[in-house]
């Protein structure tokens, strides 16, 4: 039994299920390879960037140093967002609600928005992996059930059913179940591993954002620190 024979024996539903599984497999592996690279960079860069930041003499120099360390742009957006608030001054006669709050409130808002953007990049692809992991077995099962039904219908029309004639088509149909599991298992494993790594990186970024906020509030001029 070769792949071409199996493909010719199947009808539109079986072939469609096989194509869906193939698309799921390709998409999940593309995401897995891309996220492996991203997670490896993020795990190393976050620790290196935070250390470089705290060793810098000023916010401006810290931002310049992070440009060469932060390959995945995870820490630098937080520093840039906080620095924009620390150096912000509302134009004369153009007071806005964004500038009306205290420095503490403004820093919280911009750091939260920047952190959400960073975490959105880290979380990208997780939904696809979860979807593939949860639906691929059922797509394979659908192909199996439909393949068995199609084979039994064809043999019933021939007028005689024997175990030898049933075993071949049923065995071919069961390949779809195995294919569905082969697509789902890597996606589920990758989703769980990436989820743990993302949670660890998220905790580090949230801690850095909190420390950065406290630093700018403590070093702000008295007139600006109305927390």
N, C-alpha and C. Protein backbone atom coordinates (compact mmCIF):
# COMPACT_ATOMS: atom_id res chain seq x y z
N UNK A 1 0.85 -1.20 0.00
CA UNK A 1 0.00 0.00 0.00
C UNK A 1 0.88 1.25 0.00
N UNK A 2 0.79 2.05 -1.06
CA UNK A 2 1.56 3.28 -1.11
C UNK A 2 0.62 4.46 -0.97
N UNK A 3 1.21 5.63 -0.88
CA UNK A 3 0.41 6.83 -0.65
C UNK A 3 -0.50 7.14 -1.83
N UNK A 4 -0.01 6.93 -3.04
CA UNK A 4 -0.82 7.22 -4.22
C UNK A 4 -2.02 6.29 -4.30
N UNK A 5 -1.83 5.03 -3.95
CA UNK A 5 -2.95 4.09 -3.95
C UNK A 5 -4.00 4.52 -2.92
N UNK A 6 -3.52 4.87 -1.73
CA UNK A 6 -4.46 5.33 -0.70
C UNK A 6 -5.21 6.58 -1.15
N UNK A 7 -4.49 7.50 -1.80
CA UNK A 7 -5.11 8.74 -2.27
C UNK A 7 -6.16 8.46 -3.34
N UNK A 8 -5.89 7.53 -4.26
CA UNK A 8 -6.84 7.20 -5.32
C UNK A 8 -8.07 6.48 -4.78
N UNK A 9 -7.87 5.68 -3.73
CA UNK A 9 -8.99 4.94 -3.16
C UNK A 9 -9.95 5.85 -2.40
N UNK A 10 -9.45 6.94 -1.86
CA UNK A 10 -10.29 7.83 -1.07
C UNK A 10 -11.17 8.72 -1.92
N UNK A 11 -12.26 9.17 -1.30
CA UNK A 11 -13.15 10.10 -2.01
C UNK A 11 -12.82 11.52 -1.59
N UNK A 12 -13.70 12.48 -1.93
CA UNK A 12 -13.43 13.89 -1.68
C UNK A 12 -13.32 14.19 -0.19
N UNK A 13 -14.15 13.54 0.64
CA UNK A 13 -14.12 13.81 2.09
C UNK A 13 -12.80 13.32 2.69
N UNK A 14 -12.39 12.12 2.33
CA UNK A 14 -11.13 11.59 2.86
C UNK A 14 -9.94 12.42 2.41
N UNK A 15 -9.94 12.77 1.13
CA UNK A 15 -8.84 13.59 0.62
C UNK A 15 -8.85 14.98 1.24
N UNK A 16 -10.04 15.55 1.45
CA UNK A 16 -10.13 16.85 2.09
C UNK A 16 -9.62 16.82 3.52
N UNK A 17 -9.96 15.76 4.28
CA UNK A 17 -9.46 15.63 5.64
C UNK A 17 -7.94 15.50 5.66
N UNK A 18 -7.40 14.76 4.69
CA UNK A 18 -5.94 14.62 4.61
C UNK A 18 -5.27 15.95 4.31
N UNK A 19 -5.86 16.74 3.42
CA UNK A 19 -5.29 18.06 3.11
C UNK A 19 -5.36 19.00 4.31
N UNK A 20 -6.47 18.92 5.06
CA UNK A 20 -6.59 19.76 6.26
C UNK A 20 -5.52 19.38 7.28
N UNK A 21 -5.29 18.09 7.48
CA UNK A 21 -4.25 17.65 8.40
C UNK A 21 -2.87 18.09 7.93
N UNK A 22 -2.63 18.01 6.61
CA UNK A 22 -1.35 18.47 6.08
C UNK A 22 -1.15 19.96 6.34
N UNK A 23 -2.20 20.77 6.11
CA UNK A 23 -2.10 22.21 6.35
C UNK A 23 -1.87 22.50 7.83
N UNK A 24 -2.56 21.77 8.70
CA UNK A 24 -2.36 21.94 10.14
C UNK A 24 -0.93 21.61 10.54
N UNK A 25 -0.40 20.51 9.99
CA UNK A 25 0.95 20.10 10.34
C UNK A 25 1.98 21.14 9.89
N UNK A 26 1.86 21.62 8.66
CA UNK A 26 2.80 22.60 8.15
C UNK A 26 2.73 23.88 8.99
N UNK A 27 1.50 24.35 9.26
CA UNK A 27 1.34 25.59 10.03
C UNK A 27 1.91 25.46 11.43
N UNK A 28 1.63 24.33 12.10
CA UNK A 28 2.11 24.16 13.46
C UNK A 28 3.63 24.05 13.51
N UNK A 29 4.24 23.37 12.56
CA UNK A 29 5.69 23.25 12.57
C UNK A 29 6.39 24.56 12.23
N UNK A 30 5.77 25.36 11.36
CA UNK A 30 6.33 26.69 11.10
C UNK A 30 6.32 27.52 12.39
N UNK A 31 5.20 27.48 13.12
CA UNK A 31 5.10 28.22 14.37
C UNK A 31 6.08 27.66 15.41
N UNK A 32 6.20 26.35 15.48
CA UNK A 32 7.10 25.74 16.46
C UNK A 32 8.55 26.17 16.21
N UNK A 33 8.99 26.09 14.95
CA UNK A 33 10.37 26.48 14.64
C UNK A 33 10.60 27.95 14.93
N UNK A 34 9.63 28.80 14.55
CA UNK A 34 9.78 30.24 14.79
C UNK A 34 9.80 30.55 16.27
N UNK A 35 8.93 29.90 17.05
CA UNK A 35 8.87 30.20 18.49
C UNK A 35 10.07 29.61 19.22
N UNK A 36 10.63 28.52 18.73
CA UNK A 36 11.86 28.02 19.35
C UNK A 36 12.97 29.07 19.28
N UNK A 37 13.09 29.68 18.12
CA UNK A 37 14.10 30.73 17.97
C UNK A 37 13.77 31.94 18.84
N UNK A 38 12.50 32.33 18.87
CA UNK A 38 12.10 33.48 19.67
C UNK A 38 12.30 33.23 21.16
N UNK A 39 11.92 32.05 21.64
CA UNK A 39 12.06 31.75 23.06
C UNK A 39 13.53 31.67 23.48
N UNK A 40 14.36 31.14 22.59
CA UNK A 40 15.79 31.08 22.92
C UNK A 40 16.37 32.48 23.03
N UNK A 41 16.00 33.35 22.10
CA UNK A 41 16.47 34.73 22.17
C UNK A 41 15.90 35.45 23.39
N UNK A 42 14.61 35.28 23.64
CA UNK A 42 13.96 36.00 24.73
C UNK A 42 14.53 35.58 26.08
N UNK A 43 14.74 34.28 26.29
CA UNK A 43 15.26 33.81 27.58
C UNK A 43 16.63 34.40 27.87
N UNK A 44 17.45 34.51 26.84
CA UNK A 44 18.80 35.06 27.05
C UNK A 44 18.78 36.59 27.10
N UNK A 45 17.96 37.22 26.26
CA UNK A 45 18.01 38.68 26.13
C UNK A 45 17.40 39.40 27.32
N UNK A 46 16.34 38.86 27.89
CA UNK A 46 15.68 39.56 29.01
C UNK A 46 16.63 39.68 30.18
N UNK A 47 17.30 38.60 30.52
CA UNK A 47 18.25 38.66 31.64
C UNK A 47 19.42 39.58 31.32
N UNK A 48 19.93 39.50 30.10
CA UNK A 48 21.07 40.34 29.73
C UNK A 48 20.68 41.81 29.65
N UNK A 49 19.49 42.09 29.15
CA UNK A 49 19.05 43.49 29.00
C UNK A 49 18.77 44.14 30.35
N UNK A 50 18.15 43.41 31.25
CA UNK A 50 17.88 43.99 32.57
C UNK A 50 19.19 44.28 33.32
N UNK A 51 20.16 43.37 33.18
CA UNK A 51 21.45 43.62 33.82
C UNK A 51 22.14 44.83 33.21
N UNK A 52 22.08 44.95 31.87
CA UNK A 52 22.70 46.10 31.20
C UNK A 52 22.00 47.40 31.58
N UNK A 53 20.69 47.34 31.75
CA UNK A 53 19.94 48.56 32.11
C UNK A 53 20.37 49.08 33.47
N UNK A 54 20.44 48.19 34.46
CA UNK A 54 20.75 48.65 35.81
C UNK A 54 22.21 49.06 35.96
N UNK A 55 23.05 48.68 35.04
CA UNK A 55 24.44 49.11 35.08
C UNK A 55 24.68 50.40 34.31
N UNK A 56 23.66 50.90 33.60
CA UNK A 56 23.82 52.13 32.82
C UNK A 56 23.73 53.35 33.74
N UNK A 57 24.44 54.43 33.42
CA UNK A 57 24.41 55.61 34.27
C UNK A 57 23.16 56.48 34.09
N UNK A 58 22.44 56.31 32.98
CA UNK A 58 21.26 57.13 32.74
C UNK A 58 20.29 56.37 31.86
N UNK A 59 19.03 56.87 31.79
CA UNK A 59 18.01 56.24 30.97
C UNK A 59 18.39 56.29 29.49
N UNK A 60 18.95 57.41 29.05
CA UNK A 60 19.32 57.55 27.64
C UNK A 60 20.38 56.54 27.24
N UNK A 61 21.42 56.41 28.06
CA UNK A 61 22.48 55.44 27.76
C UNK A 61 21.96 54.01 27.88
N UNK A 62 21.05 53.78 28.80
CA UNK A 62 20.47 52.44 28.94
C UNK A 62 19.71 52.05 27.68
N UNK A 63 18.93 52.99 27.11
CA UNK A 63 18.19 52.70 25.89
C UNK A 63 19.14 52.42 24.73
N UNK A 64 20.25 53.14 24.67
CA UNK A 64 21.22 52.89 23.61
C UNK A 64 21.87 51.51 23.75
N UNK A 65 22.17 51.12 24.98
CA UNK A 65 22.78 49.80 25.19
C UNK A 65 21.81 48.68 24.83
N UNK A 66 20.56 48.87 25.16
CA UNK A 66 19.58 47.80 24.92
C UNK A 66 19.35 47.56 23.44
N UNK A 67 19.60 48.55 22.60
CA UNK A 67 19.39 48.36 21.16
C UNK A 67 20.26 47.25 20.59
N UNK A 68 21.42 47.04 21.17
CA UNK A 68 22.31 45.99 20.68
C UNK A 68 22.08 44.65 21.39
N UNK A 69 21.44 44.67 22.54
CA UNK A 69 21.20 43.44 23.30
C UNK A 69 19.82 42.84 23.04
N UNK A 70 18.83 43.70 22.88
CA UNK A 70 17.42 43.26 22.85
C UNK A 70 17.03 42.87 21.43
N UNK A 71 17.41 41.67 20.99
CA UNK A 71 17.14 41.25 19.62
C UNK A 71 15.65 41.05 19.36
N UNK A 72 14.90 40.59 20.35
CA UNK A 72 13.47 40.35 20.18
C UNK A 72 12.62 41.56 20.57
N UNK A 73 13.25 42.67 20.95
CA UNK A 73 12.53 43.90 21.33
C UNK A 73 11.50 43.62 22.42
N UNK A 74 11.97 43.11 23.55
CA UNK A 74 11.09 42.81 24.67
C UNK A 74 11.26 43.79 25.83
N UNK A 75 12.47 44.22 26.09
CA UNK A 75 12.74 45.14 27.21
C UNK A 75 12.80 46.58 26.74
N UNK A 76 13.37 46.81 25.57
CA UNK A 76 13.53 48.18 25.08
C UNK A 76 12.21 48.94 24.96
N UNK A 77 11.10 48.34 24.49
CA UNK A 77 9.84 49.09 24.44
C UNK A 77 9.39 49.60 25.79
N UNK A 78 9.65 48.87 26.86
CA UNK A 78 9.29 49.34 28.20
C UNK A 78 10.11 50.56 28.60
N UNK A 79 11.40 50.52 28.30
CA UNK A 79 12.26 51.65 28.63
C UNK A 79 11.89 52.88 27.82
N UNK A 80 11.64 52.70 26.54
CA UNK A 80 11.27 53.82 25.68
C UNK A 80 9.95 54.44 26.14
N UNK A 81 8.97 53.59 26.47
CA UNK A 81 7.68 54.10 26.92
C UNK A 81 7.81 54.88 28.23
N UNK A 82 8.56 54.33 29.17
CA UNK A 82 8.74 55.02 30.45
C UNK A 82 9.52 56.31 30.28
N UNK A 83 10.53 56.29 29.42
CA UNK A 83 11.35 57.49 29.20
C UNK A 83 10.54 58.59 28.53
N UNK A 84 9.58 58.19 27.67
CA UNK A 84 8.76 59.21 27.02
C UNK A 84 7.88 59.95 28.02
N UNK A 85 7.43 59.27 29.06
CA UNK A 85 6.63 59.91 30.09
C UNK A 85 7.51 60.76 31.00
N UNK A 86 8.69 60.26 31.33
CA UNK A 86 9.58 61.01 32.21
C UNK A 86 10.02 62.33 31.58
N UNK A 87 10.16 62.34 30.26
CA UNK A 87 10.61 63.56 29.57
C UNK A 87 9.47 64.32 28.92
N UNK A 88 8.23 63.91 29.19
CA UNK A 88 7.09 64.53 28.51
C UNK A 88 6.70 65.84 29.18
N UNK A 89 6.40 66.80 28.35
CA UNK A 89 5.84 68.06 28.85
C UNK A 89 4.75 68.49 27.90
N UNK A 90 3.56 68.74 28.44
CA UNK A 90 2.42 69.10 27.59
C UNK A 90 2.63 70.47 26.96
N UNK A 91 2.33 70.61 25.66
CA UNK A 91 2.45 71.92 25.02
C UNK A 91 1.60 72.96 25.73
N UNK A 92 2.07 74.20 25.70
CA UNK A 92 1.36 75.29 26.37
C UNK A 92 -0.05 75.45 25.80
N UNK A 93 -1.03 75.45 26.71
CA UNK A 93 -2.40 75.64 26.28
C UNK A 93 -3.03 74.40 25.69
N UNK A 94 -2.37 73.26 25.71
CA UNK A 94 -2.91 72.03 25.12
C UNK A 94 -2.88 70.90 26.15
N UNK A 95 -3.39 71.16 27.33
CA UNK A 95 -3.45 70.13 28.36
C UNK A 95 -4.38 69.01 27.92
N UNK A 96 -3.98 67.78 28.15
CA UNK A 96 -4.77 66.61 27.75
C UNK A 96 -5.03 65.73 28.96
N UNK A 97 -5.98 64.82 28.82
CA UNK A 97 -6.26 63.88 29.89
C UNK A 97 -5.07 62.97 30.14
N UNK A 98 -4.30 62.67 29.09
CA UNK A 98 -3.13 61.81 29.26
C UNK A 98 -2.09 62.45 30.16
N UNK A 99 -2.00 63.77 30.15
CA UNK A 99 -1.02 64.47 30.98
C UNK A 99 -1.61 64.96 32.30
N UNK A 100 -2.92 64.75 32.52
CA UNK A 100 -3.56 65.30 33.71
C UNK A 100 -3.26 64.48 34.96
N UNK A 101 -2.99 63.21 34.80
CA UNK A 101 -2.78 62.36 35.96
C UNK A 101 -1.40 62.56 36.57
N UNK A 102 -1.19 61.89 37.68
CA UNK A 102 0.10 61.95 38.34
C UNK A 102 1.13 61.15 37.53
N UNK A 103 2.39 61.35 37.86
CA UNK A 103 3.44 60.62 37.18
C UNK A 103 3.27 59.12 37.39
N UNK A 104 2.86 58.71 38.58
CA UNK A 104 2.65 57.30 38.86
C UNK A 104 1.59 56.71 37.94
N UNK A 105 0.48 57.45 37.78
CA UNK A 105 -0.61 56.95 36.94
C UNK A 105 -0.20 56.89 35.48
N UNK A 106 0.53 57.89 35.01
CA UNK A 106 0.96 57.91 33.61
C UNK A 106 1.96 56.80 33.31
N UNK A 107 2.88 56.58 34.23
CA UNK A 107 3.84 55.50 34.03
C UNK A 107 3.15 54.14 34.03
N UNK A 108 2.20 53.97 34.92
CA UNK A 108 1.46 52.70 34.95
C UNK A 108 0.76 52.44 33.63
N UNK A 109 0.15 53.49 33.07
CA UNK A 109 -0.59 53.32 31.82
C UNK A 109 0.32 52.96 30.66
N UNK A 110 1.41 53.69 30.48
CA UNK A 110 2.26 53.44 29.31
C UNK A 110 3.03 52.13 29.46
N UNK A 111 3.45 51.80 30.68
CA UNK A 111 4.15 50.53 30.88
C UNK A 111 3.20 49.36 30.68
N UNK A 112 1.96 49.49 31.10
CA UNK A 112 0.98 48.42 30.89
C UNK A 112 0.75 48.20 29.40
N UNK A 113 0.59 49.31 28.64
CA UNK A 113 0.36 49.18 27.20
C UNK A 113 1.58 48.56 26.50
N UNK A 114 2.77 49.00 26.87
CA UNK A 114 3.97 48.44 26.26
C UNK A 114 4.14 46.97 26.62
N UNK A 115 3.83 46.63 27.85
CA UNK A 115 3.95 45.23 28.27
C UNK A 115 2.94 44.35 27.54
N UNK A 116 1.75 44.85 27.30
CA UNK A 116 0.75 44.08 26.55
C UNK A 116 1.22 43.83 25.12
N UNK A 117 1.83 44.82 24.50
CA UNK A 117 2.34 44.64 23.14
C UNK A 117 3.45 43.58 23.11
N UNK A 118 4.34 43.64 24.08
CA UNK A 118 5.45 42.67 24.13
C UNK A 118 4.91 41.26 24.36
N UNK A 119 3.99 41.12 25.30
CA UNK A 119 3.44 39.80 25.58
C UNK A 119 2.60 39.29 24.42
N UNK A 120 2.00 40.19 23.66
CA UNK A 120 1.27 39.76 22.47
C UNK A 120 2.18 39.10 21.46
N UNK A 121 3.40 39.62 21.31
CA UNK A 121 4.35 38.99 20.40
C UNK A 121 4.80 37.63 20.93
N UNK A 122 4.99 37.54 22.24
CA UNK A 122 5.39 36.26 22.81
C UNK A 122 4.28 35.21 22.69
N UNK A 123 3.03 35.64 22.82
CA UNK A 123 1.89 34.72 22.77
C UNK A 123 1.49 34.37 21.35
N UNK A 124 2.04 35.06 20.35
CA UNK A 124 1.63 34.81 18.97
C UNK A 124 1.90 33.35 18.60
N UNK A 125 0.91 32.70 18.01
CA UNK A 125 1.03 31.31 17.60
C UNK A 125 0.51 30.32 18.61
N UNK A 126 0.31 30.73 19.86
CA UNK A 126 -0.18 29.81 20.88
C UNK A 126 -1.60 29.34 20.56
N UNK A 127 -2.43 30.25 20.06
CA UNK A 127 -3.80 29.86 19.72
C UNK A 127 -3.80 28.83 18.61
N UNK A 128 -2.94 29.00 17.62
CA UNK A 128 -2.88 28.04 16.52
C UNK A 128 -2.45 26.67 17.04
N UNK A 129 -1.42 26.63 17.90
CA UNK A 129 -0.96 25.35 18.43
C UNK A 129 -2.06 24.67 19.26
N UNK A 130 -2.77 25.46 20.05
CA UNK A 130 -3.86 24.88 20.85
C UNK A 130 -4.97 24.36 19.96
N UNK A 131 -5.28 25.11 18.89
CA UNK A 131 -6.35 24.69 17.98
C UNK A 131 -5.97 23.40 17.25
N UNK A 132 -4.74 23.34 16.76
CA UNK A 132 -4.29 22.13 16.06
C UNK A 132 -4.27 20.95 17.02
N UNK A 133 -3.76 21.15 18.23
CA UNK A 133 -3.68 20.05 19.18
C UNK A 133 -5.04 19.51 19.59
N UNK A 134 -6.05 20.36 19.61
CA UNK A 134 -7.38 19.91 20.06
C UNK A 134 -8.26 19.40 18.92
N UNK A 135 -8.02 19.83 17.69
CA UNK A 135 -8.92 19.46 16.59
C UNK A 135 -8.34 18.42 15.64
N UNK A 136 -7.02 18.32 15.54
CA UNK A 136 -6.42 17.38 14.58
C UNK A 136 -6.85 15.93 14.81
N UNK A 137 -6.93 15.43 16.06
CA UNK A 137 -7.41 14.05 16.24
C UNK A 137 -8.81 13.83 15.71
N UNK A 138 -9.67 14.82 15.86
CA UNK A 138 -11.05 14.66 15.39
C UNK A 138 -11.12 14.72 13.86
N UNK A 139 -10.27 15.52 13.24
CA UNK A 139 -10.22 15.53 11.78
C UNK A 139 -9.74 14.17 11.28
N UNK A 140 -8.71 13.62 11.93
CA UNK A 140 -8.27 12.28 11.55
C UNK A 140 -9.33 11.23 11.78
N UNK A 141 -10.06 11.33 12.89
CA UNK A 141 -11.13 10.38 13.16
C UNK A 141 -12.25 10.49 12.13
N UNK A 142 -12.56 11.71 11.72
CA UNK A 142 -13.55 11.89 10.67
C UNK A 142 -13.11 11.19 9.38
N UNK A 143 -11.85 11.38 9.01
CA UNK A 143 -11.35 10.70 7.82
C UNK A 143 -11.41 9.19 7.94
N UNK A 144 -11.12 8.67 9.15
CA UNK A 144 -11.18 7.23 9.36
C UNK A 144 -12.60 6.70 9.24
N UNK A 145 -13.53 7.33 9.93
CA UNK A 145 -14.92 6.88 9.90
C UNK A 145 -15.48 6.95 8.48
N UNK A 146 -15.21 8.06 7.81
CA UNK A 146 -15.72 8.19 6.45
C UNK A 146 -15.05 7.19 5.51
N UNK A 147 -13.76 6.93 5.71
CA UNK A 147 -13.07 5.96 4.87
C UNK A 147 -13.61 4.56 5.06
N UNK A 148 -13.88 4.17 6.31
CA UNK A 148 -14.45 2.86 6.57
C UNK A 148 -15.84 2.74 5.96
N UNK A 149 -16.64 3.79 6.13
CA UNK A 149 -17.98 3.78 5.54
C UNK A 149 -17.91 3.66 4.02
N UNK A 150 -17.01 4.43 3.42
CA UNK A 150 -16.86 4.39 1.97
C UNK A 150 -16.41 3.00 1.51
N UNK A 151 -15.47 2.37 2.23
CA UNK A 151 -14.98 1.05 1.84
C UNK A 151 -16.07 -0.01 1.99
N UNK A 152 -16.81 0.03 3.12
CA UNK A 152 -17.86 -0.96 3.32
C UNK A 152 -18.98 -0.80 2.32
N UNK A 153 -19.31 0.43 1.97
CA UNK A 153 -20.35 0.65 0.97
C UNK A 153 -19.93 0.08 -0.38
N UNK A 154 -18.68 0.31 -0.74
CA UNK A 154 -18.19 -0.21 -2.02
C UNK A 154 -18.19 -1.73 -2.04
N UNK A 155 -17.80 -2.36 -0.93
CA UNK A 155 -17.77 -3.82 -0.88
C UNK A 155 -19.17 -4.41 -0.83
N UNK A 156 -20.10 -3.73 -0.16
CA UNK A 156 -21.48 -4.22 -0.13
C UNK A 156 -22.08 -4.21 -1.53
N UNK A 157 -21.71 -3.21 -2.31
CA UNK A 157 -22.21 -3.17 -3.69
C UNK A 157 -21.64 -4.28 -4.55
N UNK A 158 -20.47 -4.83 -4.15
CA UNK A 158 -19.87 -5.91 -4.92
C UNK A 158 -20.57 -7.23 -4.67
N UNK A 159 -21.34 -7.34 -3.58
CA UNK A 159 -22.15 -8.52 -3.34
C UNK A 159 -21.54 -9.54 -2.42
N UNK A 160 -20.29 -9.42 -2.06
CA UNK A 160 -19.66 -10.40 -1.18
C UNK A 160 -18.64 -9.69 -0.29
N UNK A 161 -18.73 -9.95 1.02
CA UNK A 161 -17.82 -9.34 1.98
C UNK A 161 -17.08 -10.43 2.72
N UNK A 162 -15.77 -10.41 2.66
CA UNK A 162 -14.92 -11.33 3.40
C UNK A 162 -13.94 -10.55 4.24
N UNK A 163 -13.35 -11.23 5.23
CA UNK A 163 -12.41 -10.54 6.11
C UNK A 163 -11.19 -10.05 5.34
N UNK A 164 -10.79 -10.77 4.31
CA UNK A 164 -9.64 -10.33 3.52
C UNK A 164 -9.95 -9.05 2.76
N UNK A 165 -11.17 -8.94 2.25
CA UNK A 165 -11.52 -7.75 1.49
C UNK A 165 -11.82 -6.56 2.40
N UNK A 166 -12.17 -6.83 3.66
CA UNK A 166 -12.46 -5.74 4.59
C UNK A 166 -11.18 -5.20 5.22
N UNK A 167 -10.23 -6.07 5.53
CA UNK A 167 -9.07 -5.65 6.30
C UNK A 167 -8.23 -4.59 5.59
N UNK A 168 -8.08 -4.73 4.26
CA UNK A 168 -7.26 -3.78 3.53
C UNK A 168 -7.81 -2.36 3.55
N UNK A 169 -9.06 -2.13 3.09
CA UNK A 169 -9.62 -0.77 3.12
C UNK A 169 -9.77 -0.19 4.53
N UNK A 170 -10.12 -1.04 5.52
CA UNK A 170 -10.25 -0.54 6.88
C UNK A 170 -8.89 -0.13 7.43
N UNK A 171 -7.88 -0.93 7.14
CA UNK A 171 -6.52 -0.57 7.57
C UNK A 171 -6.06 0.73 6.95
N UNK A 172 -6.39 0.94 5.67
CA UNK A 172 -6.03 2.20 5.02
C UNK A 172 -6.75 3.38 5.67
N UNK A 173 -8.02 3.17 6.05
CA UNK A 173 -8.78 4.25 6.67
C UNK A 173 -8.22 4.60 8.05
N UNK A 174 -7.73 3.60 8.77
CA UNK A 174 -7.19 3.86 10.11
C UNK A 174 -5.93 4.71 10.07
N UNK A 175 -5.29 4.81 8.91
CA UNK A 175 -4.12 5.67 8.79
C UNK A 175 -4.47 7.12 9.12
N UNK A 176 -5.71 7.52 8.84
CA UNK A 176 -6.12 8.90 9.10
C UNK A 176 -6.11 9.20 10.60
N UNK A 177 -6.50 8.22 11.42
CA UNK A 177 -6.45 8.43 12.87
C UNK A 177 -5.02 8.62 13.33
N UNK A 178 -4.12 7.77 12.82
CA UNK A 178 -2.71 7.92 13.18
C UNK A 178 -2.16 9.26 12.70
N UNK A 179 -2.58 9.70 11.51
CA UNK A 179 -2.12 11.00 11.00
C UNK A 179 -2.61 12.14 11.89
N UNK A 180 -3.86 12.05 12.34
CA UNK A 180 -4.38 13.09 13.23
C UNK A 180 -3.61 13.18 14.53
N UNK A 181 -3.25 12.04 15.11
CA UNK A 181 -2.45 12.04 16.34
C UNK A 181 -1.04 12.56 16.07
N UNK A 182 -0.47 12.19 14.92
CA UNK A 182 0.88 12.66 14.60
C UNK A 182 0.93 14.17 14.43
N UNK A 183 -0.17 14.77 13.99
CA UNK A 183 -0.23 16.22 13.86
C UNK A 183 -0.49 16.88 15.22
N UNK A 184 -1.32 16.25 16.04
CA UNK A 184 -1.75 16.89 17.29
C UNK A 184 -0.68 16.82 18.38
N UNK A 185 0.02 15.71 18.50
CA UNK A 185 0.94 15.52 19.63
C UNK A 185 2.06 16.57 19.65
N UNK A 186 2.76 16.84 18.54
CA UNK A 186 3.79 17.90 18.59
C UNK A 186 3.22 19.27 18.94
N UNK A 187 2.01 19.56 18.45
CA UNK A 187 1.41 20.87 18.74
C UNK A 187 1.09 21.01 20.22
N UNK A 188 0.57 19.93 20.83
CA UNK A 188 0.24 19.99 22.26
C UNK A 188 1.50 20.12 23.11
N UNK A 189 2.52 19.33 22.79
CA UNK A 189 3.77 19.41 23.54
C UNK A 189 4.40 20.80 23.42
N UNK A 190 4.43 21.34 22.19
CA UNK A 190 5.01 22.67 22.00
C UNK A 190 4.21 23.73 22.73
N UNK A 191 2.88 23.62 22.72
CA UNK A 191 2.04 24.60 23.41
C UNK A 191 2.36 24.62 24.91
N UNK A 192 2.50 23.44 25.50
CA UNK A 192 2.77 23.38 26.94
C UNK A 192 4.17 23.91 27.27
N UNK A 193 5.16 23.54 26.47
CA UNK A 193 6.53 24.00 26.73
C UNK A 193 6.63 25.51 26.55
N UNK A 194 6.08 26.02 25.46
CA UNK A 194 6.13 27.46 25.21
C UNK A 194 5.33 28.22 26.27
N UNK A 195 4.23 27.65 26.73
CA UNK A 195 3.44 28.31 27.76
C UNK A 195 4.23 28.52 29.04
N UNK A 196 5.02 27.51 29.43
CA UNK A 196 5.84 27.65 30.64
C UNK A 196 6.94 28.69 30.44
N UNK A 197 7.57 28.67 29.26
CA UNK A 197 8.63 29.65 29.00
C UNK A 197 8.07 31.06 28.96
N UNK A 198 6.91 31.23 28.32
CA UNK A 198 6.30 32.56 28.24
C UNK A 198 5.92 33.06 29.64
N UNK A 199 5.39 32.17 30.48
CA UNK A 199 5.04 32.57 31.83
C UNK A 199 6.25 33.04 32.62
N UNK A 200 7.38 32.37 32.44
CA UNK A 200 8.60 32.78 33.13
C UNK A 200 9.11 34.13 32.63
N UNK A 201 9.11 34.32 31.31
CA UNK A 201 9.55 35.59 30.74
C UNK A 201 8.59 36.71 31.14
N UNK A 202 7.30 36.42 31.15
CA UNK A 202 6.31 37.43 31.54
C UNK A 202 6.53 37.89 32.97
N UNK A 203 6.84 36.97 33.86
CA UNK A 203 7.10 37.36 35.26
C UNK A 203 8.33 38.26 35.35
N UNK A 204 9.37 37.94 34.58
CA UNK A 204 10.57 38.78 34.59
C UNK A 204 10.27 40.18 34.04
N UNK A 205 9.50 40.26 32.98
CA UNK A 205 9.19 41.57 32.39
C UNK A 205 8.29 42.39 33.31
N UNK A 206 7.33 41.75 33.96
CA UNK A 206 6.47 42.48 34.89
C UNK A 206 7.27 43.00 36.08
N UNK A 207 8.20 42.19 36.57
CA UNK A 207 9.05 42.67 37.67
C UNK A 207 9.92 43.83 37.25
N UNK A 208 10.47 43.76 36.03
CA UNK A 208 11.29 44.87 35.55
C UNK A 208 10.46 46.13 35.37
N UNK A 209 9.25 46.00 34.83
CA UNK A 209 8.38 47.16 34.64
C UNK A 209 8.02 47.80 35.99
N UNK A 210 7.77 46.98 36.98
CA UNK A 210 7.46 47.53 38.31
C UNK A 210 8.66 48.25 38.90
N UNK A 211 9.86 47.66 38.79
CA UNK A 211 11.06 48.31 39.30
C UNK A 211 11.36 49.61 38.54
N UNK A 212 11.14 49.59 37.23
CA UNK A 212 11.37 50.79 36.42
C UNK A 212 10.41 51.91 36.82
N UNK A 213 9.17 51.56 37.05
CA UNK A 213 8.19 52.56 37.48
C UNK A 213 8.59 53.18 38.82
N UNK A 214 8.97 52.36 39.77
CA UNK A 214 9.37 52.87 41.08
C UNK A 214 10.62 53.74 40.98
N UNK A 215 11.55 53.37 40.11
CA UNK A 215 12.77 54.16 39.94
C UNK A 215 12.44 55.56 39.44
N UNK A 216 11.60 55.67 38.43
CA UNK A 216 11.28 56.97 37.86
C UNK A 216 10.46 57.82 38.82
N UNK A 217 9.62 57.19 39.61
CA UNK A 217 8.84 57.95 40.59
C UNK A 217 9.75 58.49 41.69
N UNK A 218 10.69 57.66 42.15
CA UNK A 218 11.57 58.08 43.24
C UNK A 218 12.56 59.16 42.79
N UNK A 219 12.96 59.13 41.53
CA UNK A 219 13.96 60.10 41.04
C UNK A 219 13.33 61.30 40.37
N UNK A 220 11.99 61.36 40.31
CA UNK A 220 11.34 62.50 39.66
C UNK A 220 11.40 63.73 40.54
N UNK A 221 11.37 64.92 39.95
CA UNK A 221 11.32 66.15 40.74
C UNK A 221 10.05 66.19 41.59
N UNK A 222 10.07 66.83 42.73
CA UNK A 222 8.91 66.83 43.63
C UNK A 222 7.64 67.33 42.97
N UNK A 223 7.76 68.27 42.05
CA UNK A 223 6.56 68.83 41.43
C UNK A 223 5.87 67.82 40.55
N UNK A 224 6.56 66.78 40.04
CA UNK A 224 5.98 65.82 39.13
C UNK A 224 5.51 64.56 39.84
N UNK A 225 5.99 64.29 41.04
CA UNK A 225 5.65 63.04 41.71
C UNK A 225 4.45 63.21 42.59
N UNK A 226 3.28 63.36 41.97
CA UNK A 226 2.04 63.53 42.71
C UNK A 226 1.30 62.20 42.69
N UNK A 227 1.88 61.17 43.24
CA UNK A 227 1.26 59.83 43.22
C UNK A 227 0.22 59.71 44.33
